[in-house]
Structure formats: C-alpha cells, structure tokens
PDB file of N, CA and C in Angstrom:
ATOM      1  N   MET A   1    -137.527  46.474 -92.709  1.00  0.00           N
ATOM      2  CA  MET A   1    -138.147  45.261 -92.380  1.00  0.00           C
ATOM      3  C   MET A   1    -139.316  44.772 -93.294  1.00  0.00           C
ATOM      4  N   ALA A   2    -139.537  43.586 -93.599  1.00  0.00           N
ATOM      5  CA  ALA A   2    -140.551  43.146 -94.768  1.00  0.00           C
ATOM      6  C   ALA A   2    -141.980  43.355 -94.178  1.00  0.00           C
ATOM      7  N   GLU A   3    -142.678  43.789 -95.126  1.00  0.00           N
ATOM      8  CA  GLU A   3    -144.159  43.935 -94.952  1.00  0.00           C
ATOM      9  C   GLU A   3    -144.714  42.516 -94.702  1.00  0.00           C
ATOM     10  N   ILE A   4    -145.344  42.109 -93.740  1.00  0.00           N
ATOM     11  CA  ILE A   4    -145.675  40.762 -93.430  1.00  0.00           C
ATOM     12  C   ILE A   4    -147.035  40.472 -94.484  1.00  0.00           C
ATOM     13  N   SER A   5    -147.821  41.481 -94.647  1.00  0.00           N
ATOM     14  CA  SER A   5    -149.055  41.215 -95.655  1.00  0.00           C
ATOM     15  C   SER A   5    -148.627  40.828 -97.052  1.00  0.00           C
ATOM     16  N   ARG A   6    -147.358  41.125 -97.300  1.00  0.00           N
ATOM     17  CA  ARG A   6    -146.842  40.990 -98.721  1.00  0.00           C
ATOM     18  C   ARG A   6    -146.141  39.596 -98.892  1.00  0.00           C
ATOM     19  N   LEU A   7    -145.837  38.846 -97.806  1.00  0.00           N
ATOM     20  CA  LEU A   7    -145.146  37.507 -97.788  1.00  0.00           C
ATOM     21  C   LEU A   7    -146.151  36.437 -98.336  1.00  0.00           C
ATOM     22  N   PRO A   8    -145.791  35.656 -99.136  1.00  0.00           N
ATOM     23  CA  PRO A   8    -146.599  34.474 -99.543  1.00  0.00           C
ATOM     24  C   PRO A   8    -147.059  33.727 -98.461  1.00  0.00           C
ATOM     25  N   ARG A   9    -148.312  33.099 -98.482  1.00  0.00           N
ATOM     26  CA  ARG A   9    -148.845  32.275 -97.544  1.00  0.00           C
ATOM     27  C   ARG A   9    -148.079  30.778 -97.721  1.00  0.00           C
ATOM     28  N   PRO A  10    -148.172  30.035 -96.594  1.00  0.00           N
ATOM     29  CA  PRO A  10    -147.515  28.763 -96.748  1.00  0.00           C
ATOM     30  C   PRO A  10    -148.289  27.967 -97.816  1.00  0.00           C
ATOM     31  N   VAL A  11    -147.457  27.176 -98.501  1.00  0.00           N
ATOM     32  CA  VAL A  11    -148.155  26.328 -99.663  1.00  0.00           C
ATOM     33  C   VAL A  11    -148.934  25.232 -98.968  1.00  0.00           C
ATOM     34  N   ALA A  12    -148.643  24.889 -97.805  1.00  0.00           N
ATOM     35  CA  ALA A  12    -149.590  23.660 -97.235  1.00  0.00           C
ATOM     36  C   ALA A  12    -151.143  24.169 -97.124  1.00  0.00           C
ATOM     37  N   ASP A  13    -151.218  25.478 -96.843  1.00  0.00           N
ATOM     38  CA  ASP A  13    -152.708  25.980 -96.699  1.00  0.00           C
ATOM     39  C   ASP A  13    -153.532  25.793 -98.024  1.00  0.00           C
ATOM     40  N   GLU A  14    -152.876  25.731 -99.165  1.00  0.00           N
ATOM     41  CA  GLU A  14    -153.455  25.379-100.419  1.00  0.00           C
ATOM     42  C   GLU A  14    -153.796  24.041-100.624  1.00  0.00           C
ATOM     43  N   TRP A  15    -153.170  23.114 -99.895  1.00  0.00           N
ATOM     44  CA  TRP A  15    -153.363  21.597-100.149  1.00  0.00           C
ATOM     45  C   TRP A  15    -154.002  20.919 -99.071  1.00  0.00           C
ATOM     46  N   GLU A  16    -154.133  21.670 -97.991  1.00  0.00           N
ATOM     47  CA  GLU A  16    -154.723  20.895 -96.705  1.00  0.00           C
ATOM     48  C   GLU A  16    -155.936  20.198 -96.856  1.00  0.00           C
ATOM     49  N   TRP A  17    -156.852  20.635 -97.783  1.00  0.00           N
ATOM     50  CA  TRP A  17    -158.262  19.962 -98.036  1.00  0.00           C
ATOM     51  C   TRP A  17    -157.963  18.430 -98.404  1.00  0.00           C
ATOM     52  N   GLN A  18    -156.839  18.191 -99.036  1.00  0.00           N
ATOM     53  CA  GLN A  18    -156.494  16.809 -99.444  1.00  0.00           C
ATOM     54  C   GLN A  18    -156.407  15.913 -98.323  1.00  0.00           C
ATOM     55  N   TYR A  19    -156.045  16.276 -97.100  1.00  0.00           N
ATOM     56  CA  TYR A  19    -155.890  15.354 -95.879  1.00  0.00           C
ATOM     57  C   TYR A  19    -157.327  14.731 -95.665  1.00  0.00           C
ATOM     58  N   GLN A  20    -158.458  15.426 -96.084  1.00  0.00           N
ATOM     59  CA  GLN A  20    -159.796  15.101 -95.599  1.00  0.00           C
ATOM     60  C   GLN A  20    -160.440  14.310 -96.962  1.00  0.00           C
ATOM     61  N   GLY A  21    -159.666  14.095 -97.833  1.00  0.00           N
ATOM     62  CA  GLY A  21    -160.269  13.363 -99.104  1.00  0.00           C
ATOM     63  C   GLY A  21    -160.603  11.873 -98.871  1.00  0.00           C
ATOM     64  N   SER A  22    -161.702  11.354 -99.334  1.00  0.00           N
ATOM     65  CA  SER A  22    -162.082   9.805 -99.221  1.00  0.00           C
ATOM     66  C   SER A  22    -161.140   9.087 -99.904  1.00  0.00           C
ATOM     67  N   CYS A  23    -160.406   9.576-100.891  1.00  0.00           N
ATOM     68  CA  CYS A  23    -159.440   8.819-101.610  1.00  0.00           C
ATOM     69  C   CYS A  23    -158.010   8.697-101.217  1.00  0.00           C
ATOM     70  N   ARG A  24    -157.981   9.205 -99.973  1.00  0.00           N
ATOM     71  CA  ARG A  24    -156.529   9.424 -99.477  1.00  0.00           C
ATOM     72  C   ARG A  24    -155.808   8.095 -99.104  1.00  0.00           C
ATOM     73  N   ASP A  25    -156.606   7.093 -98.729  1.00  0.00           N
ATOM     74  CA  ASP A  25    -155.851   5.859 -98.427  1.00  0.00           C
ATOM     75  C   ASP A  25    -156.213   4.825 -99.426  1.00  0.00           C
ATOM     76  N   LEU A  26    -156.674   5.133-100.512  1.00  0.00           N
ATOM     77  CA  LEU A  26    -157.060   4.103-101.557  1.00  0.00           C
ATOM     78  C   LEU A  26    -155.993   4.286-102.598  1.00  0.00           C
ATOM     79  N   PRO A  27    -155.724   3.069-103.441  1.00  0.00           N
ATOM     80  CA  PRO A  27    -154.779   2.987-104.361  1.00  0.00           C
ATOM     81  C   PRO A  27    -154.849   4.056-105.429  1.00  0.00           C
ATOM     82  N   SER A  28    -153.902   4.720-105.880  1.00  0.00           N
ATOM     83  CA  SER A  28    -153.828   5.666-106.978  1.00  0.00           C
ATOM     84  C   SER A  28    -154.351   5.102-108.272  1.00  0.00           C
ATOM     85  N   GLU A  29    -154.193   3.900-108.475  1.00  0.00           N
ATOM     86  CA  GLU A  29    -154.618   3.250-109.742  1.00  0.00           C
ATOM     87  C   GLU A  29    -156.100   3.312-110.023  1.00  0.00           C
ATOM     88  N   MET A  30    -156.716   3.558-108.895  1.00  0.00           N
ATOM     89  CA  MET A  30    -158.173   3.713-109.014  1.00  0.00           C
ATOM     90  C   MET A  30    -158.468   4.859-109.632  1.00  0.00           C
ATOM     91  N   PHE A  31    -157.767   5.968-109.340  1.00  0.00           N
ATOM     92  CA  PHE A  31    -158.088   7.222-109.970  1.00  0.00           C
ATOM     93  C   PHE A  31    -157.383   7.683-111.178  1.00  0.00           C
ATOM     94  N   PHE A  32    -156.330   6.925-111.452  1.00  0.00           N
ATOM     95  CA  PHE A  32    -155.421   7.266-112.529  1.00  0.00           C
ATOM     96  C   PHE A  32    -155.187   5.927-113.480  1.00  0.00           C
ATOM     97  N   HIS A  33    -155.698   6.128-114.816  1.00  0.00           N
ATOM     98  CA  HIS A  33    -155.639   4.930-115.715  1.00  0.00           C
ATOM     99  C   HIS A  33    -154.154   4.610-115.996  1.00  0.00           C
ATOM    100  N   PRO A  34    -154.042   3.179-116.295  1.00  0.00           N
ATOM    101  CA  PRO A  34    -152.805   2.741-116.908  1.00  0.00           C
ATOM    102  C   PRO A  34    -152.599   3.033-118.251  1.00  0.00           C
ATOM    103  N   ASP A  35    -151.610   3.141-118.846  1.00  0.00           N
ATOM    104  CA  ASP A  35    -151.502   3.274-120.332  1.00  0.00           C
ATOM    105  C   ASP A  35    -152.253   2.215-121.204  1.00  0.00           C
ATOM    106  N   GLY A  36    -152.944   2.777-122.022  1.00  0.00           N
ATOM    107  CA  GLY A  36    -153.603   1.923-122.850  1.00  0.00           C
ATOM    108  C   GLY A  36    -155.076   1.340-122.471  1.00  0.00           C
ATOM    109  N   GLU A  37    -155.479   1.823-121.361  1.00  0.00           N
ATOM    110  CA  GLU A  37    -156.826   1.494-120.781  1.00  0.00           C
ATOM    111  C   GLU A  37    -157.790   2.048-121.548  1.00  0.00           C
ATOM    112  N   ARG A  38    -158.841   1.124-121.946  1.00  0.00           N
ATOM    113  CA  ARG A  38    -160.072   1.629-122.804  1.00  0.00           C
ATOM    114  C   ARG A  38    -161.156   0.730-122.549  1.00  0.00           C
ATOM    115  N   GLY A  39    -162.225   1.389-123.066  1.00  0.00           N
ATOM    116  CA  GLY A  39    -163.427   0.564-123.281  1.00  0.00           C
ATOM    117  C   GLY A  39    -163.972   0.231-121.738  1.00  0.00           C
ATOM    118  N   PRO A  40    -164.733  -0.812-121.573  1.00  0.00           N
ATOM    119  CA  PRO A  40    -165.532  -1.105-120.392  1.00  0.00           C
ATOM    120  C   PRO A  40    -164.675  -1.038-119.134  1.00  0.00           C
ATOM    121  N   ARG A  41    -163.225  -1.575-119.444  1.00  0.00           N
ATOM    122  CA  ARG A  41    -162.384  -1.560-118.115  1.00  0.00           C
ATOM    123  C   ARG A  41    -162.167  -0.100-117.649  1.00  0.00           C
ATOM    124  N   ARG A  42    -161.846   0.827-118.490  1.00  0.00           N
ATOM    125  CA  ARG A  42    -161.778   2.160-118.160  1.00  0.00           C
ATOM    126  C   ARG A  42    -162.889   2.864-117.582  1.00  0.00           C
ATOM    127  N   ARG A  43    -164.008   2.497-118.346  1.00  0.00           N
ATOM    128  CA  ARG A  43    -165.289   3.118-117.779  1.00  0.00           C
ATOM    129  C   ARG A  43    -165.606   2.586-116.305  1.00  0.00           C
ATOM    130  N   ASN A  44    -165.506   1.279-115.990  1.00  0.00           N
ATOM    131  CA  ASN A  44    -165.686   0.777-114.766  1.00  0.00           C
ATOM    132  C   ASN A  44    -164.775   1.343-113.653  1.00  0.00           C
ATOM    133  N   ARG A  45    -163.496   1.535-113.966  1.00  0.00           N
ATOM    134  CA  ARG A  45    -162.695   2.034-113.062  1.00  0.00           C
ATOM    135  C   ARG A  45    -163.112   3.526-112.700  1.00  0.00           C
ATOM    136  N   GLU A  46    -163.403   4.202-113.775  1.00  0.00           N
ATOM    137  CA  GLU A  46    -163.839   5.683-113.584  1.00  0.00           C
ATOM    138  C   GLU A  46    -165.067   5.674-112.803  1.00  0.00           C
ATOM    139  N   ASN A  47    -166.004   4.809-112.992  1.00  0.00           N
ATOM    140  CA  ASN A  47    -167.253   4.899-112.295  1.00  0.00           C
ATOM    141  C   ASN A  47    -167.074   4.490-110.782  1.00  0.00           C
ATOM    142  N   ALA A  48    -166.026   3.541-110.469  1.00  0.00           N
ATOM    143  CA  ALA A  48    -165.722   3.287-109.175  1.00  0.00           C
ATOM    144  C   ALA A  48    -165.105   4.468-108.353  1.00  0.00           C
ATOM    145  N   ALA A  49    -164.175   5.165-109.213  1.00  0.00           N
ATOM    146  CA  ALA A  49    -163.482   6.257-108.523  1.00  0.00           C
ATOM    147  C   ALA A  49    -164.620   7.414-108.314  1.00  0.00           C
ATOM    148  N   LYS A  50    -165.516   7.647-109.238  1.00  0.00           N
ATOM    149  CA  LYS A  50    -166.536   8.642-109.094  1.00  0.00           C
ATOM    150  C   LYS A  50    -167.370   8.418-107.849  1.00  0.00           C
ATOM    151  N   ALA A  51    -167.631   7.179-107.718  1.00  0.00           N
ATOM    152  CA  ALA A  51    -168.502   6.707-106.504  1.00  0.00           C
ATOM    153  C   ALA A  51    -167.741   7.111-105.321  1.00  0.00           C
ATOM    154  N   VAL A  52    -166.494   6.904-105.283  1.00  0.00           N
ATOM    155  CA  VAL A  52    -165.923   7.374-104.057  1.00  0.00           C
ATOM    156  C   VAL A  52    -165.962   8.855-103.787  1.00  0.00           C
ATOM    157  N   CYS A  53    -165.744   9.600-104.773  1.00  0.00           N
ATOM    158  CA  CYS A  53    -165.768  10.995-104.881  1.00  0.00           C
ATOM    159  C   CYS A  53    -167.138  11.594-104.447  1.00  0.00           C
ATOM    160  N   ALA A  54    -168.296  10.755-104.781  1.00  0.00           N
ATOM    161  CA  ALA A  54    -169.657  11.425-104.519  1.00  0.00           C
ATOM    162  C   ALA A  54    -170.047  11.650-103.192  1.00  0.00           C
ATOM    163  N   SER A  55    -169.457  10.850-102.157  1.00  0.00           N
ATOM    164  CA  SER A  55    -169.694  11.167-100.737  1.00  0.00           C
ATOM    165  C   SER A  55    -168.559  11.729-100.126  1.00  0.00           C
ATOM    166  N   CYS A  56    -167.623  12.237-100.962  1.00  0.00           N
ATOM    167  CA  CYS A  56    -166.322  12.792-100.379  1.00  0.00           C
ATOM    168  C   CYS A  56    -166.646  14.167 -99.761  1.00  0.00           C
ATOM    169  N   PRO A  57    -166.132  14.509 -98.367  1.00  0.00           N
ATOM    170  CA  PRO A  57    -166.302  15.705 -97.883  1.00  0.00           C
ATOM    171  C   PRO A  57    -165.703  17.092 -98.537  1.00  0.00           C
ATOM    172  N   VAL A  58    -164.688  16.704 -99.383  1.00  0.00           N
ATOM    173  CA  VAL A  58    -164.033  17.683-100.040  1.00  0.00           C
ATOM    174  C   VAL A  58    -164.015  17.753-101.533  1.00  0.00           C
ATOM    175  N   LEU A  59    -165.215  17.036-101.984  1.00  0.00           N
ATOM    176  CA  LEU A  59    -165.575  17.091-103.594  1.00  0.00           C
ATOM    177  C   LEU A  59    -165.499  18.434-104.103  1.00  0.00           C
ATOM    178  N   GLN A  60    -165.961  19.448-103.759  1.00  0.00           N
ATOM    179  CA  GLN A  60    -166.003  20.739-104.234  1.00  0.00           C
ATOM    180  C   GLN A  60    -164.728  21.371-104.275  1.00  0.00           C
ATOM    181  N   ALA A  61    -163.964  21.251-103.190  1.00  0.00           N
ATOM    182  CA  ALA A  61    -162.610  21.837-103.287  1.00  0.00           C
ATOM    183  C   ALA A  61    -161.636  20.987-104.266  1.00  0.00           C
ATOM    184  N   CYS A  62    -161.849  19.676-104.271  1.00  0.00           N
ATOM    185  CA  CYS A  62    -161.142  19.045-105.332  1.00  0.00           C
ATOM    186  C   CYS A  62    -161.372  19.348-106.679  1.00  0.00           C
ATOM    187  N   ARG A  63    -162.660  19.425-106.938  1.00  0.00           N
ATOM    188  CA  ARG A  63    -163.123  19.796-108.185  1.00  0.00           C
ATOM    189  C   ARG A  63    -162.706  21.126-108.692  1.00  0.00           C
ATOM    190  N   THR A  64    -162.748  21.976-107.797  1.00  0.00           N
ATOM    191  CA  THR A  64    -162.348  23.386-107.997  1.00  0.00           C
ATOM    192  C   THR A  64    -160.923  23.545-108.355  1.00  0.00           C
ATOM    193  N   HIS A  65    -160.119  22.840-107.516  1.00  0.00           N
ATOM    194  CA  HIS A  65    -158.702  22.623-107.921  1.00  0.00           C
ATOM    195  C   HIS A  65    -158.369  22.090-109.187  1.00  0.00           C
ATOM    196  N   ALA A  66    -158.965  20.930-109.582  1.00  0.00           N
ATOM    197  CA  ALA A  66    -158.671  20.349-110.793  1.00  0.00           C
ATOM    198  C   ALA A  66    -159.046  21.208-111.930  1.00  0.00           C
ATOM    199  N   LEU A  67    -160.168  21.894-112.052  1.00  0.00           N
ATOM    200  CA  LEU A  67    -160.456  22.964-113.101  1.00  0.00           C
ATOM    201  C   LEU A  67    -159.591  24.043-113.022  1.00  0.00           C
ATOM    202  N   ALA A  68    -159.156  24.551-111.952  1.00  0.00           N
ATOM    203  CA  ALA A  68    -158.300  25.699-111.979  1.00  0.00           C
ATOM    204  C   ALA A  68    -157.001  25.439-112.438  1.00  0.00           C
ATOM    205  N   VAL A  69    -156.313  24.374-112.110  1.00  0.00           N
ATOM    206  CA  VAL A  69    -154.990  24.137-112.562  1.00  0.00           C
ATOM    207  C   VAL A  69    -155.112  23.088-113.863  1.00  0.00           C
ATOM    208  N   GLN A  70    -156.172  22.855-114.236  1.00  0.00           N
ATOM    209  CA  GLN A  70    -156.347  22.056-115.458  1.00  0.00           C
ATOM    210  C   GLN A  70    -155.675  20.820-115.326  1.00  0.00           C
ATOM    211  N   GLU A  71    -155.940  19.824-114.252  1.00  0.00           N
ATOM    212  CA  GLU A  71    -155.235  18.644-114.110  1.00  0.00           C
ATOM    213  C   GLU A  71    -155.600  17.721-115.266  1.00  0.00           C
ATOM    214  N   PRO A  72    -154.253  17.314-115.859  1.00  0.00           N
ATOM    215  CA  PRO A  72    -154.629  16.619-117.194  1.00  0.00           C
ATOM    216  C   PRO A  72    -154.907  15.043-117.054  1.00  0.00           C
ATOM    217  N   TYR A  73    -154.829  14.504-115.811  1.00  0.00           N
ATOM    218  CA  TYR A  73    -154.874  13.124-115.628  1.00  0.00           C
ATOM    219  C   TYR A  73    -155.745  12.846-114.428  1.00  0.00           C
ATOM    220  N   GLY A  74    -156.484  11.701-114.473  1.00  0.00           N
ATOM    221  CA  GLY A  74    -157.214  11.122-113.245  1.00  0.00           C
ATOM    222  C   GLY A  74    -158.399  11.746-113.033  1.00  0.00           C
ATOM    223  N   ILE A  75    -159.165  11.037-112.046  1.00  0.00           N
ATOM    224  CA  ILE A  75    -160.407  11.448-111.515  1.00  0.00           C
ATOM    225  C   ILE A  75    -160.083  12.513-110.454  1.00  0.00           C
ATOM    226  N   TRP A  76    -160.521  13.599-110.503  1.00  0.00           N
ATOM    227  CA  TRP A  76    -160.620  14.632-109.505  1.00  0.00           C
ATOM    228  C   TRP A  76    -161.922  15.264-109.365  1.00  0.00           C
ATOM    229  N   GLY A  77    -162.287  15.426-107.948  1.00  0.00           N
ATOM    230  CA  GLY A  77    -163.641  15.819-107.744  1.00  0.00           C
ATOM    231  C   GLY A  77    -164.722  15.330-108.408  1.00  0.00           C
ATOM    232  N   GLY A  78    -164.701  13.989-108.780  1.00  0.00           N
ATOM    233  CA  GLY A  78    -165.713  13.233-109.419  1.00  0.00           C
ATOM    234  C   GLY A  78    -165.732  13.574-110.888  1.00  0.00           C
ATOM    235  N   LEU A  79    -164.690  14.034-111.318  1.00  0.00           N
ATOM    236  CA  LEU A  79    -164.707  14.347-112.943  1.00  0.00           C
ATOM    237  C   LEU A  79    -163.532  13.598-113.469  1.00  0.00           C
ATOM    238  N   SER A  80    -163.752  13.144-114.629  1.00  0.00           N
ATOM    239  CA  SER A  80    -162.731  12.574-115.419  1.00  0.00           C
ATOM    240  C   SER A  80    -161.976  13.500-116.293  1.00  0.00           C
ATOM    241  N   GLU A  81    -160.967  12.981-116.875  1.00  0.00           N
ATOM    242  CA  GLU A  81    -160.180  13.890-117.844  1.00  0.00           C
ATOM    243  C   GLU A  81    -161.100  14.574-118.750  1.00  0.00           C
ATOM    244  N   ASP A  82    -161.847  13.671-119.470  1.00  0.00           N
ATOM    245  CA  ASP A  82    -162.885  14.006-120.470  1.00  0.00           C
ATOM    246  C   ASP A  82    -163.823  14.954-119.939  1.00  0.00           C
ATOM    247  N   ASP A  83    -164.404  14.591-118.831  1.00  0.00           N
ATOM    248  CA  ASP A  83    -165.459  15.574-118.187  1.00  0.00           C
ATOM    249  C   ASP A  83    -164.751  17.022-117.947  1.00  0.00           C
ATOM    250  N   ARG A  84    -163.676  16.995-117.517  1.00  0.00           N
ATOM    251  CA  ARG A  84    -162.884  18.355-117.276  1.00  0.00           C
ATOM    252  C   ARG A  84    -162.622  19.022-118.687  1.00  0.00           C
ATOM    253  N   LEU A  85    -162.272  18.487-119.694  1.00  0.00           N
ATOM    254  CA  LEU A  85    -162.026  18.958-120.930  1.00  0.00           C
ATOM    255  C   LEU A  85    -163.201  19.538-121.514  1.00  0.00           C
ATOM    256  N   HIS A  86    -164.278  18.747-121.335  1.00  0.00           N
ATOM    257  CA  HIS A  86    -165.614  19.306-121.647  1.00  0.00           C
ATOM    258  C   HIS A  86    -166.094  20.605-121.031  1.00  0.00           C
ATOM    259  N   ILE A  87    -165.912  20.512-119.680  1.00  0.00           N
ATOM    260  CA  ILE A  87    -166.284  21.783-118.870  1.00  0.00           C
ATOM    261  C   ILE A  87    -165.293  22.976-119.283  1.00  0.00           C
ATOM    262  N   ILE A  88    -163.962  22.810-119.293  1.00  0.00           N
ATOM    263  CA  ILE A  88    -162.959  23.761-119.602  1.00  0.00           C
ATOM    264  C   ILE A  88    -163.316  24.437-121.040  1.00  0.00           C
ATOM    265  N   GLY A  89    -163.545  23.572-121.903  1.00  0.00           N
ATOM    266  CA  GLY A  89    -163.787  23.959-123.308  1.00  0.00           C
ATOM    267  C   GLY A  89    -165.131  24.708-123.392  1.00  0.00           C
ATOM    268  N   ARG A  90    -166.101  24.170-122.743  1.00  0.00           N
ATOM    269  CA  ARG A  90    -167.309  24.963-122.806  1.00  0.00           C
ATOM    270  C   ARG A  90    -167.165  26.452-122.116  1.00  0.00           C
ATOM    271  N   THR A  91    -166.459  26.384-120.963  1.00  0.00           N
ATOM    272  CA  THR A  91    -166.145  27.864-120.360  1.00  0.00           C
ATOM    273  C   THR A  91    -165.371  28.659-121.162  1.00  0.00           C
ATOM    274  N   ALA A  92    -164.275  28.179-121.812  1.00  0.00           N
ATOM    275  CA  ALA A  92    -163.440  28.847-122.656  1.00  0.00           C
ATOM    276  C   ALA A  92    -164.310  29.329-123.890  1.00  0.00           C
ATOM    277  N   GLY A  93    -165.095  28.541-124.580  1.00  0.00           N
ATOM    278  CA  GLY A  93    -166.063  29.011-125.585  1.00  0.00           C
ATOM    279  C   GLY A  93    -167.051  29.886-125.203  1.00  0.00           C
ATOM    280  N   SER A  94    -167.629  29.889-123.963  1.00  0.00           N
ATOM    281  CA  SER A  94    -168.546  30.826-123.620  1.00  0.00           C
ATOM    282  C   SER A  94    -167.929  32.308-123.362  1.00  0.00           C
ATOM    283  N   LYS A  95    -166.723  32.193-122.945  1.00  0.00           N
ATOM    284  CA  LYS A  95    -165.928  33.450-122.554  1.00  0.00           C
ATOM    285  C   LYS A  95    -165.705  34.187-124.170  1.00  0.00           C
ATOM    286  N   ILE A  96    -165.292  33.260-124.996  1.00  0.00           N
ATOM    287  CA  ILE A  96    -164.955  33.848-126.313  1.00  0.00           C
ATOM    288  C   ILE A  96    -166.240  34.530-126.895  1.00  0.00           C
ATOM    289  N   SER A  97    -167.430  33.710-126.926  1.00  0.00           N
ATOM    290  CA  SER A  97    -168.636  34.147-127.508  1.00  0.00           C
ATOM    291  C   SER A  97    -169.220  35.387-126.816  1.00  0.00           C
ATOM    292  N   HIS A  98    -168.811  35.670-125.462  1.00  0.00           N
ATOM    293  CA  HIS A  98    -169.299  36.848-124.771  1.00  0.00           C
ATOM    294  C   HIS A  98    -168.542  38.100-125.380  1.00  0.00           C
ATOM    295  N   ALA A  99    -167.226  37.840-125.640  1.00  0.00           N
ATOM    296  CA  ALA A  99    -166.269  38.770-125.982  1.00  0.00           C
ATOM    297  C   ALA A  99    -166.607  39.423-127.442  1.00  0.00           C
ATOM    298  N   SER A 100    -167.186  38.422-128.336  1.00  0.00           N
ATOM    299  CA  SER A 100    -167.426  38.868-129.734  1.00  0.00           C
ATOM    300  C   SER A 100    -168.533  39.914-129.734  1.00  0.00           C
TER     301      SER A 100
END
C-alpha cells in the first residue's frame, strides 16, 4: 500500500490563491504587453496594472509566485518584468557575494 504522506499534493492547492486576484476578471492585455510596446504607452499600461495589484488581497502570494518561478512576462504581484529581473539579479548577486 502507498504511503499517503509521500503522495504529491493536488496541483490546485498551489494555484487557488489566483481565484482571489483583483485581476481575475480583467483583460489579460492590461497585464501582458503586446509585441513592440514601448515608451509612454507601455509605462501607462504597467502603471494601470500595478494600481490594480496595489489593492489586491493576494498581492504577496502573486509576487512570491512570480519571483519563485521567474515569470518572464507580464505584471505579477505589482512587479513588471524589469522589476523582477532587478530583484532576481540583486538576490543572485548577493548570494554570490556572500559565498566568496
């Protein structure tokens, strides 16, 4: 008989927080840029998406997820792609400097 404590948890448990997101019923285009979007248009879209995230009840879970899996696209947990790259790079850099 299989030992129950060794069985994987249901995947839905890992994603259930997304049902509570303020972005759930909004268009994905608000959080993911179209090809070639730059300058003020991109900045305005990102700021609007971040404003939705600012009052979201699952902001921290979303941000934690995005950083943990290194989401490559979109606004997640109030962070843009560039924001996440900056944080991940800084974290990786600090780990390296502590090891030396």
